């Protein structure tokens, strides 16, 4: 691939600044959700989702996976999905163990 085509394949400075602004907004939302008592019942799922969105944006743009081979996307996405499945499984296991212990 020529150097000019390679340079056009990557994002511009404006794109990086927009992504940074989105990441800041998501962080503000996360902090806001943590301090609002109404959201305490859905705190963990919402924060996990927002964290996954932030992870995806950082990996796609700042690690340049959006512009690289799809194999590298699989290399990052596969372990992320595996880790997410393990975390969710552990949450269900511990939640069930607490319910059994407390009799609820």
PDB file of N, CA and C in Angstrom:
ATOM      1  N   UNK A   1       0.850  -1.164   0.000  1.00  0.00           N
ATOM      2  CA  UNK A   1       0.000   0.000   0.000  1.00  0.00           C
ATOM      3  C   UNK A   1       0.901   1.235   0.000  1.00  0.00           C
ATOM      4  N   UNK A   2       0.545   2.213  -0.807  1.00  0.00           N
ATOM      5  CA  UNK A   2       1.360   3.413  -0.874  1.00  0.00           C
ATOM      6  C   UNK A   2       1.221   4.218   0.415  1.00  0.00           C
ATOM      7  N   UNK A   3       2.195   5.111   0.624  1.00  0.00           N
ATOM      8  CA  UNK A   3       2.188   5.912   1.847  1.00  0.00           C
ATOM      9  C   UNK A   3       0.991   6.851   1.900  1.00  0.00           C
ATOM     10  N   UNK A   4       0.583   7.373   0.745  1.00  0.00           N
ATOM     11  CA  UNK A   4      -0.562   8.277   0.707  1.00  0.00           C
ATOM     12  C   UNK A   4      -1.857   7.534   1.030  1.00  0.00           C
ATOM     13  N   UNK A   5      -2.036   6.342   0.486  1.00  0.00           N
ATOM     14  CA  UNK A   5      -3.234   5.557   0.788  1.00  0.00           C
ATOM     15  C   UNK A   5      -3.249   5.140   2.251  1.00  0.00           C
ATOM     16  N   UNK A   6      -2.068   4.829   2.794  1.00  0.00           N
ATOM     17  CA  UNK A   6      -1.976   4.453   4.200  1.00  0.00           C
ATOM     18  C   UNK A   6      -2.337   5.636   5.102  1.00  0.00           C
ATOM     19  N   UNK A   7      -1.901   6.829   4.738  1.00  0.00           N
ATOM     20  CA  UNK A   7      -2.200   8.021   5.530  1.00  0.00           C
ATOM     21  C   UNK A   7      -3.691   8.351   5.476  1.00  0.00           C
ATOM     22  N   UNK A   8      -4.351   8.096   4.344  1.00  0.00           N
ATOM     23  CA  UNK A   8      -5.777   8.364   4.226  1.00  0.00           C
ATOM     24  C   UNK A   8      -6.601   7.347   4.990  1.00  0.00           C
ATOM     25  N   UNK A   9      -6.047   6.171   5.268  1.00  0.00           N
ATOM     26  CA  UNK A   9      -6.789   5.126   5.952  1.00  0.00           C
ATOM     27  C   UNK A   9      -6.964   5.420   7.433  1.00  0.00           C
ATOM     28  N   UNK A  10      -6.123   6.282   7.987  1.00  0.00           N
ATOM     29  CA  UNK A  10      -6.204   6.591   9.410  1.00  0.00           C
ATOM     30  C   UNK A  10      -7.044   7.834   9.655  1.00  0.00           C
ATOM     31  N   UNK A  11      -7.502   7.957  10.874  1.00  0.00           N
ATOM     32  CA  UNK A  11      -8.373   9.072  11.248  1.00  0.00           C
ATOM     33  C   UNK A  11      -7.603  10.384  11.319  1.00  0.00           C
ATOM     34  N   UNK A  12      -8.354  11.451  11.227  1.00  0.00           N
ATOM     35  CA  UNK A  12      -7.750  12.781  11.321  1.00  0.00           C
ATOM     36  C   UNK A  12      -7.682  13.208  12.785  1.00  0.00           C
ATOM     37  N   UNK A  13      -7.022  14.331  13.020  1.00  0.00           N
ATOM     38  CA  UNK A  13      -6.920  14.883  14.367  1.00  0.00           C
ATOM     39  C   UNK A  13      -8.302  15.228  14.911  1.00  0.00           C
ATOM     40  N   UNK A  14      -9.168  15.737  14.043  1.00  0.00           N
ATOM     41  CA  UNK A  14     -10.536  16.060  14.456  1.00  0.00           C
ATOM     42  C   UNK A  14     -11.290  14.834  14.953  1.00  0.00           C
ATOM     43  N   UNK A  15     -11.079  13.702  14.297  1.00  0.00           N
ATOM     44  CA  UNK A  15     -11.733  12.465  14.727  1.00  0.00           C
ATOM     45  C   UNK A  15     -11.261  12.065  16.118  1.00  0.00           C
ATOM     46  N   UNK A  16      -9.955  12.176  16.352  1.00  0.00           N
ATOM     47  CA  UNK A  16      -9.423  11.831  17.674  1.00  0.00           C
ATOM     48  C   UNK A  16      -9.968  12.755  18.754  1.00  0.00           C
ATOM     49  N   UNK A  17     -10.112  14.035  18.425  1.00  0.00           N
ATOM     50  CA  UNK A  17     -10.664  14.978  19.397  1.00  0.00           C
ATOM     51  C   UNK A  17     -12.140  14.688  19.680  1.00  0.00           C
ATOM     52  N   UNK A  18     -12.898  14.310  18.647  1.00  0.00           N
ATOM     53  CA  UNK A  18     -14.312  13.944  18.858  1.00  0.00           C
ATOM     54  C   UNK A  18     -14.424  12.695  19.720  1.00  0.00           C
ATOM     55  N   UNK A  19     -13.573  11.710  19.455  1.00  0.00           N
ATOM     56  CA  UNK A  19     -13.592  10.488  20.271  1.00  0.00           C
ATOM     57  C   UNK A  19     -13.218  10.815  21.709  1.00  0.00           C
ATOM     58  N   UNK A  20     -12.233  11.682  21.905  1.00  0.00           N
ATOM     59  CA  UNK A  20     -11.853  12.086  23.260  1.00  0.00           C
ATOM     60  C   UNK A  20     -13.010  12.787  23.958  1.00  0.00           C
ATOM     61  N   UNK A  21     -13.745  13.639  23.233  1.00  0.00           N
ATOM     62  CA  UNK A  21     -14.898  14.324  23.816  1.00  0.00           C
ATOM     63  C   UNK A  21     -15.983  13.318  24.198  1.00  0.00           C
ATOM     64  N   UNK A  22     -16.202  12.319  23.358  1.00  0.00           N
ATOM     65  CA  UNK A  22     -17.194  11.273  23.679  1.00  0.00           C
ATOM     66  C   UNK A  22     -16.766  10.504  24.922  1.00  0.00           C
ATOM     67  N   UNK A  23     -15.467  10.187  25.027  1.00  0.00           N
ATOM     68  CA  UNK A  23     -14.977   9.468  26.203  1.00  0.00           C
ATOM     69  C   UNK A  23     -15.146  10.298  27.476  1.00  0.00           C
ATOM     70  N   UNK A  24     -14.927  11.596  27.379  1.00  0.00           N
ATOM     71  CA  UNK A  24     -15.131  12.475  28.540  1.00  0.00           C
ATOM     72  C   UNK A  24     -16.603  12.494  28.929  1.00  0.00           C
ATOM     73  N   UNK A  25     -17.492  12.584  27.938  1.00  0.00           N
ATOM     74  CA  UNK A  25     -18.931  12.594  28.233  1.00  0.00           C
ATOM     75  C   UNK A  25     -19.378  11.293  28.887  1.00  0.00           C
ATOM     76  N   UNK A  26     -18.866  10.172  28.388  1.00  0.00           N
ATOM     77  CA  UNK A  26     -19.225   8.882  28.988  1.00  0.00           C
ATOM     78  C   UNK A  26     -18.724   8.817  30.424  1.00  0.00           C
ATOM     79  N   UNK A  27     -17.532   9.329  30.687  1.00  0.00           N
ATOM     80  CA  UNK A  27     -16.998   9.348  32.049  1.00  0.00           C
ATOM     81  C   UNK A  27     -17.857  10.206  32.965  1.00  0.00           C
ATOM     82  N   UNK A  28     -18.304  11.351  32.474  1.00  0.00           N
ATOM     83  CA  UNK A  28     -19.186  12.212  33.266  1.00  0.00           C
ATOM     84  C   UNK A  28     -20.496  11.492  33.570  1.00  0.00           C
ATOM     85  N   UNK A  29     -21.033  10.782  32.588  1.00  0.00           N
ATOM     86  CA  UNK A  29     -22.265  10.011  32.804  1.00  0.00           C
ATOM     87  C   UNK A  29     -22.033   8.931  33.855  1.00  0.00           C
ATOM     88  N   UNK A  30     -20.883   8.252  33.780  1.00  0.00           N
ATOM     89  CA  UNK A  30     -20.574   7.212  34.769  1.00  0.00           C
ATOM     90  C   UNK A  30     -20.527   7.779  36.187  1.00  0.00           C
ATOM     91  N   UNK A  31     -19.858   8.889  36.349  1.00  0.00           N
ATOM     92  CA  UNK A  31     -19.763   9.513  37.674  1.00  0.00           C
ATOM     93  C   UNK A  31     -21.138   9.962  38.136  1.00  0.00           C
ATOM     94  N   UNK A  32     -21.918  10.537  37.238  1.00  0.00           N
ATOM     95  CA  UNK A  32     -23.264  10.974  37.585  1.00  0.00           C
ATOM     96  C   UNK A  32     -24.157   9.826  38.007  1.00  0.00           C
ATOM     97  N   UNK A  33     -24.083   8.714  37.282  1.00  0.00           N
ATOM     98  CA  UNK A  33     -24.896   7.545  37.620  1.00  0.00           C
ATOM     99  C   UNK A  33     -24.512   7.007  38.997  1.00  0.00           C
ATOM    100  N   UNK A  34     -23.233   7.058  39.311  1.00  0.00           N
ATOM    101  CA  UNK A  34     -22.779   6.539  40.605  1.00  0.00           C
ATOM    102  C   UNK A  34     -23.360   7.336  41.768  1.00  0.00           C
ATOM    103  N   UNK A  35     -23.510   8.643  41.613  1.00  0.00           N
ATOM    104  CA  UNK A  35     -23.948   9.488  42.718  1.00  0.00           C
ATOM    105  C   UNK A  35     -25.461   9.722  42.778  1.00  0.00           C
ATOM    106  N   UNK A  36     -26.220   9.262  41.787  1.00  0.00           N
ATOM    107  CA  UNK A  36     -27.674   9.432  41.810  1.00  0.00           C
ATOM    108  C   UNK A  36     -28.288   8.194  42.455  1.00  0.00           C
ATOM    109  N   UNK A  37     -28.964   8.348  43.598  1.00  0.00           N
ATOM    110  CA  UNK A  37     -29.507   7.185  44.308  1.00  0.00           C
ATOM    111  C   UNK A  37     -30.542   6.395  43.501  1.00  0.00           C
ATOM    112  N   UNK A  38     -31.231   7.033  42.584  1.00  0.00           N
ATOM    113  CA  UNK A  38     -32.254   6.357  41.787  1.00  0.00           C
ATOM    114  C   UNK A  38     -31.660   5.230  40.941  1.00  0.00           C
ATOM    115  N   UNK A  39     -30.435   5.405  40.499  1.00  0.00           N
ATOM    116  CA  UNK A  39     -29.811   4.438  39.597  1.00  0.00           C
ATOM    117  C   UNK A  39     -29.073   3.314  40.322  1.00  0.00           C
ATOM    118  N   UNK A  40     -29.137   3.251  41.634  1.00  0.00           N
ATOM    119  CA  UNK A  40     -28.385   2.240  42.387  1.00  0.00           C
ATOM    120  C   UNK A  40     -28.792   0.814  42.012  1.00  0.00           C
ATOM    121  N   UNK A  41     -30.049   0.612  41.624  1.00  0.00           N
ATOM    122  CA  UNK A  41     -30.499  -0.748  41.291  1.00  0.00           C
ATOM    123  C   UNK A  41     -29.920  -1.233  39.963  1.00  0.00           C
ATOM    124  N   UNK A  42     -29.553  -0.330  39.066  1.00  0.00           N
ATOM    125  CA  UNK A  42     -29.001  -0.718  37.767  1.00  0.00           C
ATOM    126  C   UNK A  42     -27.557  -0.249  37.606  1.00  0.00           C
ATOM    127  N   UNK A  43     -26.912   0.062  38.702  1.00  0.00           N
ATOM    128  CA  UNK A  43     -25.573   0.652  38.662  1.00  0.00           C
ATOM    129  C   UNK A  43     -24.557  -0.244  37.957  1.00  0.00           C
ATOM    130  N   UNK A  44     -24.459  -1.481  38.364  1.00  0.00           N
ATOM    131  CA  UNK A  44     -23.424  -2.366  37.819  1.00  0.00           C
ATOM    132  C   UNK A  44     -23.626  -2.643  36.330  1.00  0.00           C
ATOM    133  N   UNK A  45     -24.828  -3.033  35.881  1.00  0.00           N
ATOM    134  CA  UNK A  45     -24.972  -3.286  34.436  1.00  0.00           C
ATOM    135  C   UNK A  45     -24.704  -2.048  33.575  1.00  0.00           C
ATOM    136  N   UNK A  46     -25.163  -0.890  34.028  1.00  0.00           N
ATOM    137  CA  UNK A  46     -24.952   0.324  33.244  1.00  0.00           C
ATOM    138  C   UNK A  46     -23.472   0.675  33.193  1.00  0.00           C
ATOM    139  N   UNK A  47     -22.781   0.582  34.327  1.00  0.00           N
ATOM    140  CA  UNK A  47     -21.348   0.891  34.332  1.00  0.00           C
ATOM    141  C   UNK A  47     -20.556  -0.115  33.503  1.00  0.00           C
ATOM    142  N   UNK A  48     -20.941  -1.381  33.527  1.00  0.00           N
ATOM    143  CA  UNK A  48     -20.270  -2.374  32.679  1.00  0.00           C
ATOM    144  C   UNK A  48     -20.473  -2.067  31.202  1.00  0.00           C
ATOM    145  N   UNK A  49     -21.689  -1.691  30.840  1.00  0.00           N
ATOM    146  CA  UNK A  49     -21.974  -1.359  29.444  1.00  0.00           C
ATOM    147  C   UNK A  49     -21.185  -0.134  29.010  1.00  0.00           C
ATOM    148  N   UNK A  50     -21.193   0.918  29.825  1.00  0.00           N
ATOM    149  CA  UNK A  50     -20.466   2.129  29.468  1.00  0.00           C
ATOM    150  C   UNK A  50     -18.959   1.873  29.400  1.00  0.00           C
ATOM    151  N   UNK A  51     -18.456   1.028  30.280  1.00  0.00           N
ATOM    152  CA  UNK A  51     -17.032   0.673  30.231  1.00  0.00           C
ATOM    153  C   UNK A  51     -16.694  -0.084  28.954  1.00  0.00           C
ATOM    154  N   UNK A  52     -17.589  -0.958  28.528  1.00  0.00           N
ATOM    155  CA  UNK A  52     -17.371  -1.699  27.283  1.00  0.00           C
ATOM    156  C   UNK A  52     -17.378  -0.757  26.083  1.00  0.00           C
ATOM    157  N   UNK A  53     -18.261   0.231  26.102  1.00  0.00           N
ATOM    158  CA  UNK A  53     -18.290   1.220  25.017  1.00  0.00           C
ATOM    159  C   UNK A  53     -16.980   2.009  24.993  1.00  0.00           C
ATOM    160  N   UNK A  54     -16.510   2.429  26.156  1.00  0.00           N
ATOM    161  CA  UNK A  54     -15.243   3.170  26.219  1.00  0.00           C
ATOM    162  C   UNK A  54     -14.079   2.298  25.752  1.00  0.00           C
ATOM    163  N   UNK A  55     -14.049   1.047  26.176  1.00  0.00           N
ATOM    164  CA  UNK A  55     -13.002   0.120  25.739  1.00  0.00           C
ATOM    165  C   UNK A  55     -13.009  -0.001  24.223  1.00  0.00           C
ATOM    166  N   UNK A  56     -14.195  -0.155  23.652  1.00  0.00           N
ATOM    167  CA  UNK A  56     -14.307  -0.312  22.208  1.00  0.00           C
ATOM    168  C   UNK A  56     -13.803   0.922  21.478  1.00  0.00           C
ATOM    169  N   UNK A  57     -14.188   2.099  21.945  1.00  0.00           N
ATOM    170  CA  UNK A  57     -13.731   3.326  21.294  1.00  0.00           C
ATOM    171  C   UNK A  57     -12.211   3.483  21.380  1.00  0.00           C
ATOM    172  N   UNK A  58     -11.648   3.207  22.548  1.00  0.00           N
ATOM    173  CA  UNK A  58     -10.193   3.343  22.711  1.00  0.00           C
ATOM    174  C   UNK A  58      -9.461   2.355  21.812  1.00  0.00           C
ATOM    175  N   UNK A  59      -9.923   1.120  21.780  1.00  0.00           N
ATOM    176  CA  UNK A  59      -9.256   0.109  20.961  1.00  0.00           C
ATOM    177  C   UNK A  59      -9.413   0.427  19.479  1.00  0.00           C
ATOM    178  N   UNK A  60     -10.597   0.862  19.068  1.00  0.00           N
ATOM    179  CA  UNK A  60     -10.815   1.129  17.644  1.00  0.00           C
ATOM    180  C   UNK A  60      -9.995   2.312  17.140  1.00  0.00           C
ATOM    181  N   UNK A  61      -9.953   3.384  17.908  1.00  0.00           N
ATOM    182  CA  UNK A  61      -9.323   4.594  17.390  1.00  0.00           C
ATOM    183  C   UNK A  61      -7.896   4.786  17.874  1.00  0.00           C
ATOM    184  N   UNK A  62      -7.662   4.696  19.179  1.00  0.00           N
ATOM    185  CA  UNK A  62      -6.331   4.999  19.688  1.00  0.00           C
ATOM    186  C   UNK A  62      -5.358   3.849  19.509  1.00  0.00           C
ATOM    187  N   UNK A  63      -5.876   2.629  19.378  1.00  0.00           N
ATOM    188  CA  UNK A  63      -4.994   1.504  19.068  1.00  0.00           C
ATOM    189  C   UNK A  63      -5.082   1.154  17.582  1.00  0.00           C
ATOM    190  N   UNK A  64      -5.843   1.923  16.827  1.00  0.00           N
ATOM    191  CA  UNK A  64      -5.936   1.846  15.371  1.00  0.00           C
ATOM    192  C   UNK A  64      -6.488   0.524  14.851  1.00  0.00           C
ATOM    193  N   UNK A  65      -7.272  -0.193  15.651  1.00  0.00           N
ATOM    194  CA  UNK A  65      -7.817  -1.454  15.164  1.00  0.00           C
ATOM    195  C   UNK A  65      -8.882  -1.249  14.101  1.00  0.00           C
ATOM    196  N   UNK A  66      -9.500  -0.099  14.092  1.00  0.00           N
ATOM    197  CA  UNK A  66     -10.514   0.163  13.078  1.00  0.00           C
ATOM    198  C   UNK A  66      -9.894   0.159  11.678  1.00  0.00           C
ATOM    199  N   UNK A  67      -8.637   0.486  11.596  1.00  0.00           N
ATOM    200  CA  UNK A  67      -7.979   0.613  10.307  1.00  0.00           C
ATOM    201  C   UNK A  67      -7.051  -0.556   9.998  1.00  0.00           C
ATOM    202  N   UNK A  68      -6.932  -1.521  10.900  1.00  0.00           N
ATOM    203  CA  UNK A  68      -6.038  -2.656  10.696  1.00  0.00           C
ATOM    204  C   UNK A  68      -6.817  -3.883  10.228  1.00  0.00           C
ATOM    205  N   UNK A  69      -6.086  -4.966  10.083  1.00  0.00           N
ATOM    206  CA  UNK A  69      -6.654  -6.239   9.678  1.00  0.00           C
ATOM    207  C   UNK A  69      -7.699  -6.716  10.687  1.00  0.00           C
ATOM    208  N   UNK A  70      -8.739  -7.385  10.230  1.00  0.00           N
ATOM    209  CA  UNK A  70      -9.804  -7.888  11.105  1.00  0.00           C
ATOM    210  C   UNK A  70      -9.293  -8.931  12.107  1.00  0.00           C
ATOM    211  N   UNK A  71      -8.191  -9.584  11.795  1.00  0.00           N
ATOM    212  CA  UNK A  71      -7.629 -10.564  12.719  1.00  0.00           C
ATOM    213  C   UNK A  71      -7.263  -9.914  14.050  1.00  0.00           C
ATOM    214  N   UNK A  72      -6.729  -8.698  13.991  1.00  0.00           N
ATOM    215  CA  UNK A  72      -6.358  -8.009  15.225  1.00  0.00           C
ATOM    216  C   UNK A  72      -7.591  -7.625  16.038  1.00  0.00           C
ATOM    217  N   UNK A  73      -8.666  -7.302  15.354  1.00  0.00           N
ATOM    218  CA  UNK A  73      -9.924  -7.024  16.054  1.00  0.00           C
ATOM    219  C   UNK A  73     -10.385  -8.277  16.782  1.00  0.00           C
ATOM    220  N   UNK A  74     -10.304  -9.420  16.135  1.00  0.00           N
ATOM    221  CA  UNK A  74     -10.671 -10.683  16.772  1.00  0.00           C
ATOM    222  C   UNK A  74      -9.743 -10.982  17.945  1.00  0.00           C
ATOM    223  N   UNK A  75      -8.456 -10.643  17.786  1.00  0.00           N
ATOM    224  CA  UNK A  75      -7.476 -10.892  18.833  1.00  0.00           C
ATOM    225  C   UNK A  75      -7.794 -10.114  20.108  1.00  0.00           C
ATOM    226  N   UNK A  76      -8.373  -8.917  19.978  1.00  0.00           N
ATOM    227  CA  UNK A  76      -8.780  -8.130  21.145  1.00  0.00           C
ATOM    228  C   UNK A  76     -10.206  -8.448  21.562  1.00  0.00           C
ATOM    229  N   UNK A  77     -11.099  -8.624  20.613  1.00  0.00           N
ATOM    230  CA  UNK A  77     -12.515  -8.840  20.918  1.00  0.00           C
ATOM    231  C   UNK A  77     -12.808 -10.196  21.507  1.00  0.00           C
ATOM    232  N   UNK A  78     -12.119 -11.228  21.041  1.00  0.00           N
ATOM    233  CA  UNK A  78     -12.346 -12.581  21.553  1.00  0.00           C
ATOM    234  C   UNK A  78     -12.081 -12.690  23.049  1.00  0.00           C
ATOM    235  N   UNK A  79     -10.908 -12.294  23.516  1.00  0.00           N
ATOM    236  CA  UNK A  79     -10.651 -12.339  24.956  1.00  0.00           C
ATOM    237  C   UNK A  79     -11.583 -11.427  25.763  1.00  0.00           C
ATOM    238  N   UNK A  80     -11.990 -10.300  25.180  1.00  0.00           N
ATOM    239  CA  UNK A  80     -12.934  -9.424  25.882  1.00  0.00           C
ATOM    240  C   UNK A  80     -14.265 -10.144  26.095  1.00  0.00           C
ATOM    241  N   UNK A  81     -14.759 -10.808  25.065  1.00  0.00           N
ATOM    242  CA  UNK A  81     -16.016 -11.546  25.207  1.00  0.00           C
ATOM    243  C   UNK A  81     -15.870 -12.699  26.194  1.00  0.00           C
ATOM    244  N   UNK A  82     -14.728 -13.374  26.169  1.00  0.00           N
ATOM    245  CA  UNK A  82     -14.476 -14.452  27.122  1.00  0.00           C
ATOM    246  C   UNK A  82     -14.432 -13.913  28.550  1.00  0.00           C
ATOM    247  N   UNK A  83     -13.735 -12.803  28.763  1.00  0.00           N
ATOM    248  CA  UNK A  83     -13.664 -12.201  30.100  1.00  0.00           C
ATOM    249  C   UNK A  83     -15.040 -11.746  30.562  1.00  0.00           C
ATOM    250  N   UNK A  84     -15.820 -11.175  29.658  1.00  0.00           N
ATOM    251  CA  UNK A  84     -17.168 -10.738  30.008  1.00  0.00           C
ATOM    252  C   UNK A  84     -18.035 -11.927  30.412  1.00  0.00           C
ATOM    253  N   UNK A  85     -17.923 -13.027  29.693  1.00  0.00           N
ATOM    254  CA  UNK A  85     -18.687 -14.230  30.043  1.00  0.00           C
ATOM    255  C   UNK A  85     -18.273 -14.764  31.414  1.00  0.00           C
ATOM    256  N   UNK A  86     -16.982 -14.744  31.716  1.00  0.00           N
ATOM    257  CA  UNK A  86     -16.502 -15.217  33.019  1.00  0.00           C
ATOM    258  C   UNK A  86     -17.008 -14.318  34.140  1.00  0.00           C
ATOM    259  N   UNK A  87     -16.937 -13.001  33.934  1.00  0.00           N
ATOM    260  CA  UNK A  87     -17.394 -12.057  34.962  1.00  0.00           C
ATOM    261  C   UNK A  87     -18.885 -12.230  35.216  1.00  0.00           C
ATOM    262  N   UNK A  88     -19.661 -12.328  34.164  1.00  0.00           N
ATOM    263  CA  UNK A  88     -21.112 -12.507  34.333  1.00  0.00           C
ATOM    264  C   UNK A  88     -21.408 -13.829  35.023  1.00  0.00           C
ATOM    265  N   UNK A  89     -20.700 -14.885  34.649  1.00  0.00           N
ATOM    266  CA  UNK A  89     -20.898 -16.181  35.308  1.00  0.00           C
ATOM    267  C   UNK A  89     -20.559 -16.102  36.791  1.00  0.00           C
ATOM    268  N   UNK A  90     -19.458 -15.447  37.126  1.00  0.00           N
ATOM    269  CA  UNK A  90     -19.079 -15.306  38.535  1.00  0.00           C
ATOM    270  C   UNK A  90     -20.096 -14.478  39.310  1.00  0.00           C
ATOM    271  N   UNK A  91     -20.644 -13.439  38.674  1.00  0.00           N
ATOM    272  CA  UNK A  91     -21.681 -12.648  39.341  1.00  0.00           C
ATOM    273  C   UNK A  91     -22.894 -13.509  39.668  1.00  0.00           C
ATOM    274  N   UNK A  92     -23.317 -14.345  38.714  1.00  0.00           N
ATOM    275  CA  UNK A  92     -24.453 -15.227  38.976  1.00  0.00           C
ATOM    276  C   UNK A  92     -24.131 -16.254  40.056  1.00  0.00           C
ATOM    277  N   UNK A  93     -22.928 -16.790  40.035  1.00  0.00           N
ATOM    278  CA  UNK A  93     -22.543 -17.783  41.044  1.00  0.00           C
ATOM    279  C   UNK A  93     -22.531 -17.158  42.430  1.00  0.00           C
ATOM    280  N   UNK A  94     -21.896 -15.993  42.565  1.00  0.00           N
ATOM    281  CA  UNK A  94     -21.827 -15.346  43.883  1.00  0.00           C
ATOM    282  C   UNK A  94     -23.182 -14.853  44.346  1.00  0.00           C
ATOM    283  N   UNK A  95     -24.000 -14.375  43.421  1.00  0.00           N
ATOM    284  CA  UNK A  95     -25.343 -13.929  43.793  1.00  0.00           C
ATOM    285  C   UNK A  95     -26.158 -15.114  44.300  1.00  0.00           C
ATOM    286  N   UNK A  96     -26.023 -16.253  43.626  1.00  0.00           N
ATOM    287  CA  UNK A  96     -26.735 -17.455  44.061  1.00  0.00           C
ATOM    288  C   UNK A  96     -26.226 -17.950  45.400  1.00  0.00           C
ATOM    289  N   UNK A  97     -24.914 -17.869  45.620  1.00  0.00           N
ATOM    290  CA  UNK A  97     -24.347 -18.318  46.899  1.00  0.00           C
ATOM    291  C   UNK A  97     -24.824 -17.427  48.036  1.00  0.00           C
ATOM    292  N   UNK A  98     -24.922 -16.133  47.811  1.00  0.00           N
ATOM    293  CA  UNK A  98     -25.404 -15.225  48.844  1.00  0.00           C
ATOM    294  C   UNK A  98     -26.872 -15.489  49.120  1.00  0.00           C
ATOM    295  N   UNK A  99     -27.646 -15.745  48.099  1.00  0.00           N
ATOM    296  CA  UNK A  99     -29.074 -16.025  48.295  1.00  0.00           C
ATOM    297  C   UNK A  99     -29.256 -17.331  49.069  1.00  0.00           C
ATOM    298  N   UNK A 100     -28.444 -18.339  48.796  1.00  0.00           N
ATOM    299  CA  UNK A 100     -28.550 -19.597  49.519  1.00  0.00           C
ATOM    300  C   UNK A 100     -28.157 -19.418  50.986  1.00  0.00           C
ATOM    301  N   UNK A 101     -27.096 -18.644  51.210  1.00  0.00           N
ATOM    302  CA  UNK A 101     -26.623 -18.451  52.579  1.00  0.00           C
ATOM    303  C   UNK A 101     -27.604 -17.649  53.420  1.00  0.00           C
ATOM    304  N   UNK A 102     -28.233 -16.651  52.818  1.00  0.00           N
ATOM    305  CA  UNK A 102     -29.152 -15.783  53.573  1.00  0.00           C
ATOM    306  C   UNK A 102     -30.581 -16.309  53.566  1.00  0.00           C
ATOM    307  N   UNK A 103     -30.876 -17.271  52.709  1.00  0.00           N
ATOM    308  CA  UNK A 103     -32.216 -17.848  52.672  1.00  0.00           C
ATOM    309  C   UNK A 103     -33.226 -16.990  51.943  1.00  0.00           C
ATOM    310  N   UNK A 104     -32.759 -16.084  51.091  1.00  0.00           N
ATOM    311  CA  UNK A 104     -33.690 -15.211  50.358  1.00  0.00           C
ATOM    312  C   UNK A 104     -34.024 -15.794  49.028  1.00  0.00           C
TER     313      UNK A 104
END
